Amino acid sequence: MAALLAEDILPITQYFAYVEVSGGVGELLRTDSNLWRAYAPFSTSHRNFAARRVADRGDIYPVFRDLFTPEKHSV
């Protein structure tokens, strides 16, 4: 999956965001998911990729606002 993202998807997309939602209400996952471990390195190696975690309902809007703030993610 990570190879597909790196080789086929990221080169042709303007922006790709991965949002991981916790397993339980109000708490982050106790261990990193397989996708999180595979995708996390892309945050530093690709300007058009961002990853965030959501632990609580109240975090959803701030996370999406952060992900789609044009000043932070202009490509």
PDB file of N, CA and C in Angstrom:
ATOM      1  N   MET A   1       0.816  -1.193   0.000  1.00  0.00           N
ATOM      2  CA  MET A   1       0.000   0.000   0.000  1.00  0.00           C
ATOM      3  C   MET A   1       0.862   1.261   0.000  1.00  0.00           C
ATOM      4  N   ALA A   2       1.944   1.272   0.764  1.00  0.00           N
ATOM      5  CA  ALA A   2       2.818   2.439   0.813  1.00  0.00           C
ATOM      6  C   ALA A   2       3.497   2.678  -0.530  1.00  0.00           C
ATOM      7  N   ALA A   3       3.872   1.619  -1.210  1.00  0.00           N
ATOM      8  CA  ALA A   3       4.510   1.760  -2.524  1.00  0.00           C
ATOM      9  C   ALA A   3       3.530   2.359  -3.529  1.00  0.00           C
ATOM     10  N   LEU A   4       2.299   1.923  -3.493  1.00  0.00           N
ATOM     11  CA  LEU A   4       1.262   2.465  -4.371  1.00  0.00           C
ATOM     12  C   LEU A   4       1.088   3.964  -4.125  1.00  0.00           C
ATOM     13  N   LEU A   5       1.057   4.347  -2.868  1.00  0.00           N
ATOM     14  CA  LEU A   5       0.923   5.759  -2.517  1.00  0.00           C
ATOM     15  C   LEU A   5       2.116   6.554  -3.042  1.00  0.00           C
ATOM     16  N   ALA A   6       3.317   6.072  -2.783  1.00  0.00           N
ATOM     17  CA  ALA A   6       4.530   6.792  -3.168  1.00  0.00           C
ATOM     18  C   ALA A   6       4.740   6.852  -4.675  1.00  0.00           C
ATOM     19  N   GLU A   7       4.479   5.764  -5.350  1.00  0.00           N
ATOM     20  CA  GLU A   7       4.813   5.669  -6.768  1.00  0.00           C
ATOM     21  C   GLU A   7       3.687   6.090  -7.711  1.00  0.00           C
ATOM     22  N   ASP A   8       2.446   5.862  -7.328  1.00  0.00           N
ATOM     23  CA  ASP A   8       1.338   6.108  -8.248  1.00  0.00           C
ATOM     24  C   ASP A   8       0.414   7.258  -7.847  1.00  0.00           C
ATOM     25  N   ILE A   9       0.198   7.451  -6.558  1.00  0.00           N
ATOM     26  CA  ILE A   9      -0.791   8.439  -6.124  1.00  0.00           C
ATOM     27  C   ILE A   9      -0.172   9.812  -5.856  1.00  0.00           C
ATOM     28  N   LEU A  10       0.853   9.875  -5.016  1.00  0.00           N
ATOM     29  CA  LEU A  10       1.426  11.174  -4.658  1.00  0.00           C
ATOM     30  C   LEU A  10       1.997  11.950  -5.848  1.00  0.00           C
ATOM     31  N   PRO A  11       2.619  11.288  -6.818  1.00  0.00           N
ATOM     32  CA  PRO A  11       3.139  12.062  -7.956  1.00  0.00           C
ATOM     33  C   PRO A  11       2.069  12.771  -8.782  1.00  0.00           C
ATOM     34  N   ILE A  12       0.835  12.307  -8.734  1.00  0.00           N
ATOM     35  CA  ILE A  12      -0.207  12.918  -9.571  1.00  0.00           C
ATOM     36  C   ILE A  12      -1.263  13.696  -8.779  1.00  0.00           C
ATOM     37  N   THR A  13      -1.096  13.791  -7.473  1.00  0.00           N
ATOM     38  CA  THR A  13      -2.073  14.521  -6.664  1.00  0.00           C
ATOM     39  C   THR A  13      -1.474  15.828  -6.151  1.00  0.00           C
ATOM     40  N   GLN A  14      -2.341  16.796  -6.007  1.00  0.00           N
ATOM     41  CA  GLN A  14      -1.909  18.073  -5.455  1.00  0.00           C
ATOM     42  C   GLN A  14      -1.746  17.965  -3.935  1.00  0.00           C
ATOM     43  N   TYR A  15      -2.627  17.199  -3.298  1.00  0.00           N
ATOM     44  CA  TYR A  15      -2.593  17.087  -1.835  1.00  0.00           C
ATOM     45  C   TYR A  15      -3.298  15.808  -1.421  1.00  0.00           C
ATOM     46  N   PHE A  16      -2.703  15.071  -0.491  1.00  0.00           N
ATOM     47  CA  PHE A  16      -3.274  13.827   0.018  1.00  0.00           C
ATOM     48  C   PHE A  16      -3.231  13.891   1.535  1.00  0.00           C
ATOM     49  N   ALA A  17      -4.370  13.701   2.176  1.00  0.00           N
ATOM     50  CA  ALA A  17      -4.435  13.730   3.637  1.00  0.00           C
ATOM     51  C   ALA A  17      -4.948  12.391   4.156  1.00  0.00           C
ATOM     52  N   TYR A  18      -4.276  11.882   5.183  1.00  0.00           N
ATOM     53  CA  TYR A  18      -4.700  10.651   5.842  1.00  0.00           C
ATOM     54  C   TYR A  18      -5.094  11.015   7.259  1.00  0.00           C
ATOM     55  N   VAL A  19      -6.322  10.719   7.621  1.00  0.00           N
ATOM     56  CA  VAL A  19      -6.820  10.988   8.966  1.00  0.00           C
ATOM     57  C   VAL A  19      -7.145   9.649   9.613  1.00  0.00           C
ATOM     58  N   GLU A  20      -6.526   9.398  10.762  1.00  0.00           N
ATOM     59  CA  GLU A  20      -6.775   8.157  11.483  1.00  0.00           C
ATOM     60  C   GLU A  20      -7.619   8.461  12.718  1.00  0.00           C
ATOM     61  N   VAL A  21      -8.707   7.748  12.852  1.00  0.00           N
ATOM     62  CA  VAL A  21      -9.623   7.934  13.975  1.00  0.00           C
ATOM     63  C   VAL A  21      -9.332   6.870  15.011  1.00  0.00           C
ATOM     64  N   SER A  22      -9.303   7.282  16.276  1.00  0.00           N
ATOM     65  CA  SER A  22      -8.957   6.346  17.349  1.00  0.00           C
ATOM     66  C   SER A  22      -9.983   5.232  17.489  1.00  0.00           C
ATOM     67  N   GLY A  23      -9.557   4.166  18.122  1.00  0.00           N
ATOM     68  CA  GLY A  23     -10.431   3.013  18.325  1.00  0.00           C
ATOM     69  C   GLY A  23     -11.483   3.237  19.392  1.00  0.00           C
ATOM     70  N   GLY A  24     -11.210   4.073  20.353  1.00  0.00           N
ATOM     71  CA  GLY A  24     -12.151   4.332  21.438  1.00  0.00           C
ATOM     72  C   GLY A  24     -12.401   5.808  21.606  1.00  0.00           C
ATOM     73  N   VAL A  25     -13.537   6.151  22.112  1.00  0.00           N
ATOM     74  CA  VAL A  25     -13.894   7.554  22.288  1.00  0.00           C
ATOM     75  C   VAL A  25     -12.963   8.179  23.320  1.00  0.00           C
ATOM     76  N   GLY A  26     -12.347   9.292  22.947  1.00  0.00           N
ATOM     77  CA  GLY A  26     -11.531  10.051  23.884  1.00  0.00           C
ATOM     78  C   GLY A  26     -10.130   9.552  24.103  1.00  0.00           C
ATOM     79  N   GLU A  27      -9.691   8.563  23.355  1.00  0.00           N
ATOM     80  CA  GLU A  27      -8.315   8.104  23.545  1.00  0.00           C
ATOM     81  C   GLU A  27      -7.694   7.724  22.205  1.00  0.00           C
ATOM     82  N   LEU A  28      -6.423   8.004  22.085  1.00  0.00           N
ATOM     83  CA  LEU A  28      -5.715   7.609  20.873  1.00  0.00           C
ATOM     84  C   LEU A  28      -5.491   6.112  20.887  1.00  0.00           C
ATOM     85  N   LEU A  29      -5.256   5.571  19.716  1.00  0.00           N
ATOM     86  CA  LEU A  29      -4.940   4.149  19.640  1.00  0.00           C
ATOM     87  C   LEU A  29      -3.711   3.864  20.496  1.00  0.00           C
ATOM     88  N   ARG A  30      -3.724   2.763  21.186  1.00  0.00           N
ATOM     89  CA  ARG A  30      -2.595   2.429  22.053  1.00  0.00           C
ATOM     90  C   ARG A  30      -1.365   2.014  21.256  1.00  0.00           C
ATOM     91  N   THR A  31      -1.575   1.485  20.084  1.00  0.00           N
ATOM     92  CA  THR A  31      -0.471   1.152  19.196  1.00  0.00           C
ATOM     93  C   THR A  31      -0.743   1.750  17.825  1.00  0.00           C
ATOM     94  N   ASP A  32       0.301   1.994  17.098  1.00  0.00           N
ATOM     95  CA  ASP A  32       0.140   2.537  15.754  1.00  0.00           C
ATOM     96  C   ASP A  32      -0.493   1.489  14.853  1.00  0.00           C
ATOM     97  N   SER A  33      -1.422   1.913  14.019  1.00  0.00           N
ATOM     98  CA  SER A  33      -2.020   0.999  13.060  1.00  0.00           C
ATOM     99  C   SER A  33      -1.007   0.719  11.948  1.00  0.00           C
ATOM    100  N   ASN A  34      -1.277  -0.301  11.167  1.00  0.00           N
ATOM    101  CA  ASN A  34      -0.398  -0.631  10.049  1.00  0.00           C
ATOM    102  C   ASN A  34      -0.317   0.521   9.054  1.00  0.00           C
ATOM    103  N   LEU A  35      -1.472   1.132   8.756  1.00  0.00           N
ATOM    104  CA  LEU A  35      -1.456   2.255   7.816  1.00  0.00           C
ATOM    105  C   LEU A  35      -0.692   3.447   8.378  1.00  0.00           C
ATOM    106  N   TRP A  36      -0.865   3.725   9.661  1.00  0.00           N
ATOM    107  CA  TRP A  36      -0.150   4.853  10.262  1.00  0.00           C
ATOM    108  C   TRP A  36       1.360   4.623  10.158  1.00  0.00           C
ATOM    109  N   ARG A  37       1.812   3.422  10.480  1.00  0.00           N
ATOM    110  CA  ARG A  37       3.247   3.122  10.384  1.00  0.00           C
ATOM    111  C   ARG A  37       3.745   3.232   8.945  1.00  0.00           C
ATOM    112  N   ALA A  38       2.930   2.827   7.995  1.00  0.00           N
ATOM    113  CA  ALA A  38       3.338   2.880   6.591  1.00  0.00           C
ATOM    114  C   ALA A  38       3.315   4.305   6.045  1.00  0.00           C
ATOM    115  N   TYR A  39       2.336   5.096   6.455  1.00  0.00           N
ATOM    116  CA  TYR A  39       2.159   6.429   5.900  1.00  0.00           C
ATOM    117  C   TYR A  39       2.936   7.529   6.628  1.00  0.00           C
ATOM    118  N   ALA A  40       3.221   7.367   7.896  1.00  0.00           N
ATOM    119  CA  ALA A  40       3.859   8.428   8.689  1.00  0.00           C
ATOM    120  C   ALA A  40       5.136   8.984   8.055  1.00  0.00           C
ATOM    121  N   PRO A  41       6.015   8.165   7.509  1.00  0.00           N
ATOM    122  CA  PRO A  41       7.237   8.718   6.908  1.00  0.00           C
ATOM    123  C   PRO A  41       6.986   9.669   5.738  1.00  0.00           C
ATOM    124  N   PHE A  42       5.859   9.549   5.068  1.00  0.00           N
ATOM    125  CA  PHE A  42       5.564  10.429   3.944  1.00  0.00           C
ATOM    126  C   PHE A  42       5.357  11.873   4.383  1.00  0.00           C
ATOM    127  N   SER A  43       5.020  12.088   5.640  1.00  0.00           N
ATOM    128  CA  SER A  43       4.812  13.449   6.142  1.00  0.00           C
ATOM    129  C   SER A  43       6.077  14.286   6.038  1.00  0.00           C
ATOM    130  N   THR A  44       7.217  13.644   6.170  1.00  0.00           N
ATOM    131  CA  THR A  44       8.480  14.385   6.098  1.00  0.00           C
ATOM    132  C   THR A  44       9.110  14.336   4.711  1.00  0.00           C
ATOM    133  N   SER A  45       8.756  13.351   3.918  1.00  0.00           N
ATOM    134  CA  SER A  45       9.403  13.203   2.615  1.00  0.00           C
ATOM    135  C   SER A  45       8.585  13.748   1.437  1.00  0.00           C
ATOM    136  N   HIS A  46       7.312  14.050   1.650  1.00  0.00           N
ATOM    137  CA  HIS A  46       6.458  14.553   0.567  1.00  0.00           C
ATOM    138  C   HIS A  46       5.681  15.776   1.052  1.00  0.00           C
ATOM    139  N   ARG A  47       5.867  16.900   0.374  1.00  0.00           N
ATOM    140  CA  ARG A  47       5.171  18.134   0.766  1.00  0.00           C
ATOM    141  C   ARG A  47       3.668  18.052   0.557  1.00  0.00           C
ATOM    142  N   ASN A  48       3.219  17.186  -0.330  1.00  0.00           N
ATOM    143  CA  ASN A  48       1.793  17.104  -0.636  1.00  0.00           C
ATOM    144  C   ASN A  48       1.068  16.024   0.169  1.00  0.00           C
ATOM    145  N   PHE A  49       1.688  15.574   1.257  1.00  0.00           N
ATOM    146  CA  PHE A  49       1.078  14.550   2.111  1.00  0.00           C
ATOM    147  C   PHE A  49       1.017  15.055   3.548  1.00  0.00           C
ATOM    148  N   ALA A  50      -0.116  14.798   4.199  1.00  0.00           N
ATOM    149  CA  ALA A  50      -0.270  15.142   5.616  1.00  0.00           C
ATOM    150  C   ALA A  50      -1.024  14.019   6.311  1.00  0.00           C
ATOM    151  N   ALA A  51      -0.646  13.759   7.553  1.00  0.00           N
ATOM    152  CA  ALA A  51      -1.314  12.728   8.354  1.00  0.00           C
ATOM    153  C   ALA A  51      -1.639  13.304   9.724  1.00  0.00           C
ATOM    154  N   ARG A  52      -2.835  13.013  10.192  1.00  0.00           N
ATOM    155  CA  ARG A  52      -3.263  13.470  11.514  1.00  0.00           C
ATOM    156  C   ARG A  52      -4.081  12.377  12.178  1.00  0.00           C
ATOM    157  N   ARG A  53      -4.173  12.473  13.494  1.00  0.00           N
ATOM    158  CA  ARG A  53      -5.003  11.551  14.270  1.00  0.00           C
ATOM    159  C   ARG A  53      -6.121  12.321  14.954  1.00  0.00           C
ATOM    160  N   VAL A  54      -7.259  11.663  15.064  1.00  0.00           N
ATOM    161  CA  VAL A  54      -8.412  12.234  15.747  1.00  0.00           C
ATOM    162  C   VAL A  54      -8.747  11.306  16.907  1.00  0.00           C
ATOM    163  N   ALA A  55      -8.749  11.869  18.114  1.00  0.00           N
ATOM    164  CA  ALA A  55      -9.020  11.065  19.298  1.00  0.00           C
ATOM    165  C   ALA A  55     -10.430  11.269  19.822  1.00  0.00           C
ATOM    166  N   ASP A  56     -11.041  12.390  19.501  1.00  0.00           N
ATOM    167  CA  ASP A  56     -12.325  12.731  20.080  1.00  0.00           C
ATOM    168  C   ASP A  56     -13.150  13.510  19.061  1.00  0.00           C
ATOM    169  N   ARG A  57     -14.469  13.458  19.179  1.00  0.00           N
ATOM    170  CA  ARG A  57     -15.342  14.191  18.252  1.00  0.00           C
ATOM    171  C   ARG A  57     -14.982  15.660  18.156  1.00  0.00           C
ATOM    172  N   GLY A  58     -14.646  16.236  19.277  1.00  0.00           N
ATOM    173  CA  GLY A  58     -14.301  17.649  19.307  1.00  0.00           C
ATOM    174  C   GLY A  58     -13.031  17.982  18.548  1.00  0.00           C
ATOM    175  N   ASP A  59     -12.225  16.980  18.236  1.00  0.00           N
ATOM    176  CA  ASP A  59     -10.977  17.194  17.508  1.00  0.00           C
ATOM    177  C   ASP A  59     -11.163  17.172  15.990  1.00  0.00           C
ATOM    178  N   ILE A  60     -12.297  16.695  15.520  1.00  0.00           N
ATOM    179  CA  ILE A  60     -12.487  16.509  14.085  1.00  0.00           C
ATOM    180  C   ILE A  60     -12.382  17.840  13.330  1.00  0.00           C
ATOM    181  N   TYR A  61     -13.147  18.837  13.726  1.00  0.00           N
ATOM    182  CA  TYR A  61     -13.112  20.113  13.013  1.00  0.00           C
ATOM    183  C   TYR A  61     -11.725  20.760  13.070  1.00  0.00           C
ATOM    184  N   PRO A  62     -11.086  20.854  14.242  1.00  0.00           N
ATOM    185  CA  PRO A  62      -9.744  21.456  14.269  1.00  0.00           C
ATOM    186  C   PRO A  62      -8.727  20.698  13.404  1.00  0.00           C
ATOM    187  N   VAL A  63      -8.821  19.384  13.368  1.00  0.00           N
ATOM    188  CA  VAL A  63      -7.888  18.606  12.533  1.00  0.00           C
ATOM    189  C   VAL A  63      -8.111  18.914  11.059  1.00  0.00           C
ATOM    190  N   PHE A  64      -9.359  18.918  10.619  1.00  0.00           N
ATOM    191  CA  PHE A  64      -9.635  19.222   9.219  1.00  0.00           C
ATOM    192  C   PHE A  64      -9.290  20.671   8.880  1.00  0.00           C
ATOM    193  N   ARG A  65      -9.540  21.592   9.787  1.00  0.00           N
ATOM    194  CA  ARG A  65      -9.177  22.990   9.552  1.00  0.00           C
ATOM    195  C   ARG A  65      -7.663  23.105   9.390  1.00  0.00           C
ATOM    196  N   ASP A  66      -6.910  22.402  10.229  1.00  0.00           N
ATOM    197  CA  ASP A  66      -5.454  22.411  10.129  1.00  0.00           C
ATOM    198  C   ASP A  66      -4.994  21.801   8.802  1.00  0.00           C
ATOM    199  N   LEU A  67      -5.594  20.695   8.422  1.00  0.00           N
ATOM    200  CA  LEU A  67      -5.194  20.022   7.183  1.00  0.00           C
ATOM    201  C   LEU A  67      -5.440  20.874   5.949  1.00  0.00           C
ATOM    202  N   PHE A  68      -6.497  21.663   5.964  1.00  0.00           N
ATOM    203  CA  PHE A  68      -6.873  22.397   4.770  1.00  0.00           C
ATOM    204  C   PHE A  68      -6.691  23.906   4.882  1.00  0.00           C
ATOM    205  N   THR A  69      -5.777  24.335   5.732  1.00  0.00           N
ATOM    206  CA  THR A  69      -5.411  25.744   5.809  1.00  0.00           C
ATOM    207  C   THR A  69      -4.420  26.017   4.686  1.00  0.00           C
ATOM    208  N   PRO A  70      -4.800  26.843   3.722  1.00  0.00           N
ATOM    209  CA  PRO A  70      -3.958  27.043   2.538  1.00  0.00           C
ATOM    210  C   PRO A  70      -2.536  27.529   2.835  1.00  0.00           C
ATOM    211  N   GLU A  71      -2.359  28.363   3.825  1.00  0.00           N
ATOM    212  CA  GLU A  71      -1.030  28.889   4.119  1.00  0.00           C
ATOM    213  C   GLU A  71      -0.058  27.781   4.507  1.00  0.00           C
ATOM    214  N   LYS A  72      -0.553  26.746   5.159  1.00  0.00           N
ATOM    215  CA  LYS A  72       0.330  25.683   5.629  1.00  0.00           C
ATOM    216  C   LYS A  72       0.675  24.688   4.537  1.00  0.00           C
ATOM    217  N   HIS A  73      -0.199  24.534   3.566  1.00  0.00           N
ATOM    218  CA  HIS A  73      -0.034  23.440   2.624  1.00  0.00           C
ATOM    219  C   HIS A  73      -0.044  23.881   1.169  1.00  0.00           C
ATOM    220  N   SER A  74       0.509  25.045   0.889  1.00  0.00           N
ATOM    221  CA  SER A  74       0.557  25.451  -0.511  1.00  0.00           C
ATOM    222  C   SER A  74       1.602  24.621  -1.236  1.00  0.00           C
ATOM    223  N   VAL A  75       1.208  24.146  -2.400  1.00  0.00           N
ATOM    224  CA  VAL A  75       2.103  23.279  -3.180  1.00  0.00           C
ATOM    225  C   VAL A  75       2.461  23.974  -4.467  1.00  0.00           C
TER     226      VAL A  75
END
